[in-house]
Amino acid sequence: MNKASIIFCMGALALSLVVAVLAYPLAALPADKVAQAAKPQPAQALGEVDVGHGFGSVPVSKLMDYYISNPPKAAAGPAAAPRLHFGGC
């Protein structure tokens, strides 16, 4: 490489680092929010969730009760292998 290319690469790297250092405080969450997010919340404190498709908003506690009463069905056997098209992914 020639000297101009190396100077450009080093300058771009330095500029990127400066922008990241200056922008981090604007993007980081405050410490009290991080601590609050780390603690589990009771279902009653989570409020309601809009489940869409005409069902509207439902309290999280009712969603949990429904899930406990109607657990998802387990698969009958091992999952079928995906069908390969054209021998690729």
C-alpha atoms as a PDB file:
ATOM      1  CA  MET A   1       0.000   0.000   0.000  1.00  0.00           C
ATOM      2  CA  ASN A   2       1.096   3.526  -0.509  1.00  0.00           C
ATOM      3  CA  LYS A   3       1.438   6.107   2.241  1.00  0.00           C
ATOM      4  CA  ALA A   4      -1.801   7.970   1.357  1.00  0.00           C
ATOM      5  CA  SER A   5      -3.885   4.794   1.726  1.00  0.00           C
ATOM      6  CA  ILE A   6      -2.430   4.034   5.144  1.00  0.00           C
ATOM      7  CA  ILE A   7      -3.017   7.615   6.316  1.00  0.00           C
ATOM      8  CA  PHE A   8      -6.618   7.479   5.059  1.00  0.00           C
ATOM      9  CA  CYS A   9      -7.281   4.162   6.824  1.00  0.00           C
ATOM     10  CA  MET A  10      -5.775   5.356  10.110  1.00  0.00           C
ATOM     11  CA  GLY A  11      -7.714   8.653   9.890  1.00  0.00           C
ATOM     12  CA  ALA A  12     -11.000   6.854   9.178  1.00  0.00           C
ATOM     13  CA  LEU A  13     -10.376   4.498  12.102  1.00  0.00           C
ATOM     14  CA  ALA A  14      -9.548   7.396  14.438  1.00  0.00           C
ATOM     15  CA  LEU A  15     -12.615   9.359  13.315  1.00  0.00           C
ATOM     16  CA  SER A  16     -14.849   6.321  13.857  1.00  0.00           C
ATOM     17  CA  LEU A  17     -13.437   5.863  17.356  1.00  0.00           C
ATOM     18  CA  VAL A  18     -14.018   9.540  18.212  1.00  0.00           C
ATOM     19  CA  VAL A  19     -17.623   9.388  16.958  1.00  0.00           C
ATOM     20  CA  ALA A  20     -18.258   6.203  18.965  1.00  0.00           C
ATOM     21  CA  VAL A  21     -16.807   7.719  22.155  1.00  0.00           C
ATOM     22  CA  LEU A  22     -18.862  10.899  21.748  1.00  0.00           C
ATOM     23  CA  ALA A  23     -22.106   9.081  20.835  1.00  0.00           C
ATOM     24  CA  TYR A  24     -21.969   6.406  23.555  1.00  0.00           C
ATOM     25  CA  PRO A  25     -23.371   8.600  26.372  1.00  0.00           C
ATOM     26  CA  LEU A  26     -26.320   9.520  24.155  1.00  0.00           C
ATOM     27  CA  ALA A  27     -27.121   5.858  23.408  1.00  0.00           C
ATOM     28  CA  ALA A  28     -26.435   4.294  26.828  1.00  0.00           C
ATOM     29  CA  LEU A  29     -29.257   3.686  29.303  1.00  0.00           C
ATOM     30  CA  PRO A  30     -29.033   5.376  32.704  1.00  0.00           C
ATOM     31  CA  ALA A  31     -27.760   3.147  35.527  1.00  0.00           C
ATOM     32  CA  ASP A  32     -31.089   3.253  37.401  1.00  0.00           C
ATOM     33  CA  LYS A  33     -32.958   1.961  34.311  1.00  0.00           C
ATOM     34  CA  VAL A  34     -30.452  -0.885  33.895  1.00  0.00           C
ATOM     35  CA  ALA A  35     -30.837  -1.852  37.564  1.00  0.00           C
ATOM     36  CA  GLN A  36     -34.635  -1.744  37.268  1.00  0.00           C
ATOM     37  CA  ALA A  37     -34.563  -3.928  34.133  1.00  0.00           C
ATOM     38  CA  ALA A  38     -32.378  -6.509  35.901  1.00  0.00           C
ATOM     39  CA  LYS A  39     -35.030  -7.150  38.587  1.00  0.00           C
ATOM     40  CA  PRO A  40     -37.980  -9.430  37.740  1.00  0.00           C
ATOM     41  CA  GLN A  41     -41.343  -7.660  37.760  1.00  0.00           C
ATOM     42  CA  PRO A  42     -44.662  -9.156  38.890  1.00  0.00           C
ATOM     43  CA  ALA A  43     -47.162  -9.833  36.103  1.00  0.00           C
ATOM     44  CA  GLN A  44     -49.573  -7.240  37.508  1.00  0.00           C
ATOM     45  CA  ALA A  45     -46.943  -4.522  37.058  1.00  0.00           C
ATOM     46  CA  LEU A  46     -46.568  -5.251  33.339  1.00  0.00           C
ATOM     47  CA  GLY A  47     -49.993  -3.887  32.416  1.00  0.00           C
ATOM     48  CA  GLU A  48     -51.717  -4.896  29.197  1.00  0.00           C
ATOM     49  CA  VAL A  49     -50.496  -6.201  25.851  1.00  0.00           C
ATOM     50  CA  ASP A  50     -52.199  -5.518  22.526  1.00  0.00           C
ATOM     51  CA  VAL A  51     -52.494  -8.986  20.961  1.00  0.00           C
ATOM     52  CA  GLY A  52     -53.955  -7.604  17.729  1.00  0.00           C
ATOM     53  CA  HIS A  53     -56.226  -9.281  15.175  1.00  0.00           C
ATOM     54  CA  GLY A  54     -59.344  -7.808  16.784  1.00  0.00           C
ATOM     55  CA  PHE A  55     -58.644  -9.219  20.257  1.00  0.00           C
ATOM     56  CA  GLY A  56     -57.574  -5.860  21.679  1.00  0.00           C
ATOM     57  CA  SER A  57     -55.591  -5.399  24.880  1.00  0.00           C
ATOM     58  CA  VAL A  58     -55.290  -8.244  27.377  1.00  0.00           C
ATOM     59  CA  PRO A  59     -53.695  -8.087  30.843  1.00  0.00           C
ATOM     60  CA  VAL A  60     -50.442 -10.041  31.147  1.00  0.00           C
ATOM     61  CA  SER A  61     -51.794 -11.985  34.141  1.00  0.00           C
ATOM     62  CA  LYS A  62     -54.671 -13.338  31.983  1.00  0.00           C
ATOM     63  CA  LEU A  63     -52.221 -14.308  29.243  1.00  0.00           C
ATOM     64  CA  MET A  64     -50.147 -16.221  31.797  1.00  0.00           C
ATOM     65  CA  ASP A  65     -53.249 -17.964  33.171  1.00  0.00           C
ATOM     66  CA  TYR A  66     -54.265 -18.985  29.639  1.00  0.00           C
ATOM     67  CA  TYR A  67     -50.775 -20.302  28.880  1.00  0.00           C
ATOM     68  CA  ILE A  68     -50.716 -22.343  32.094  1.00  0.00           C
ATOM     69  CA  SER A  69     -54.191 -23.774  31.399  1.00  0.00           C
ATOM     70  CA  ASN A  70     -53.462 -24.435  27.690  1.00  0.00           C
ATOM     71  CA  PRO A  71     -49.764 -25.256  27.231  1.00  0.00           C
ATOM     72  CA  PRO A  72     -48.491 -25.622  23.673  1.00  0.00           C
ATOM     73  CA  LYS A  73     -48.615 -29.156  22.326  1.00  0.00           C
ATOM     74  CA  ALA A  74     -45.312 -30.992  22.161  1.00  0.00           C
ATOM     75  CA  ALA A  75     -44.163 -32.252  18.800  1.00  0.00           C
ATOM     76  CA  ALA A  76     -45.103 -35.896  18.137  1.00  0.00           C
ATOM     77  CA  GLY A  77     -41.647 -36.855  16.965  1.00  0.00           C
ATOM     78  CA  PRO A  78     -38.403 -35.369  15.787  1.00  0.00           C
ATOM     79  CA  ALA A  79     -38.769 -32.449  13.441  1.00  0.00           C
ATOM     80  CA  ALA A  80     -38.640 -33.356   9.775  1.00  0.00           C
ATOM     81  CA  ALA A  81     -35.448 -32.479   7.979  1.00  0.00           C
ATOM     82  CA  PRO A  82     -35.790 -29.352   5.858  1.00  0.00           C
ATOM     83  CA  ARG A  83     -36.293 -29.992   2.160  1.00  0.00           C
ATOM     84  CA  LEU A  84     -33.255 -28.971   0.164  1.00  0.00           C
ATOM     85  CA  HIS A  85     -33.830 -27.042  -3.044  1.00  0.00           C
ATOM     86  CA  PHE A  86     -31.163 -27.123  -5.720  1.00  0.00           C
ATOM     87  CA  GLY A  87     -28.772 -28.776  -3.286  1.00  0.00           C
ATOM     88  CA  GLY A  88     -28.211 -25.467  -1.426  1.00  0.00           C
ATOM     89  CA  CYS A  89     -29.351 -24.145   1.889  1.00  0.00           C
END
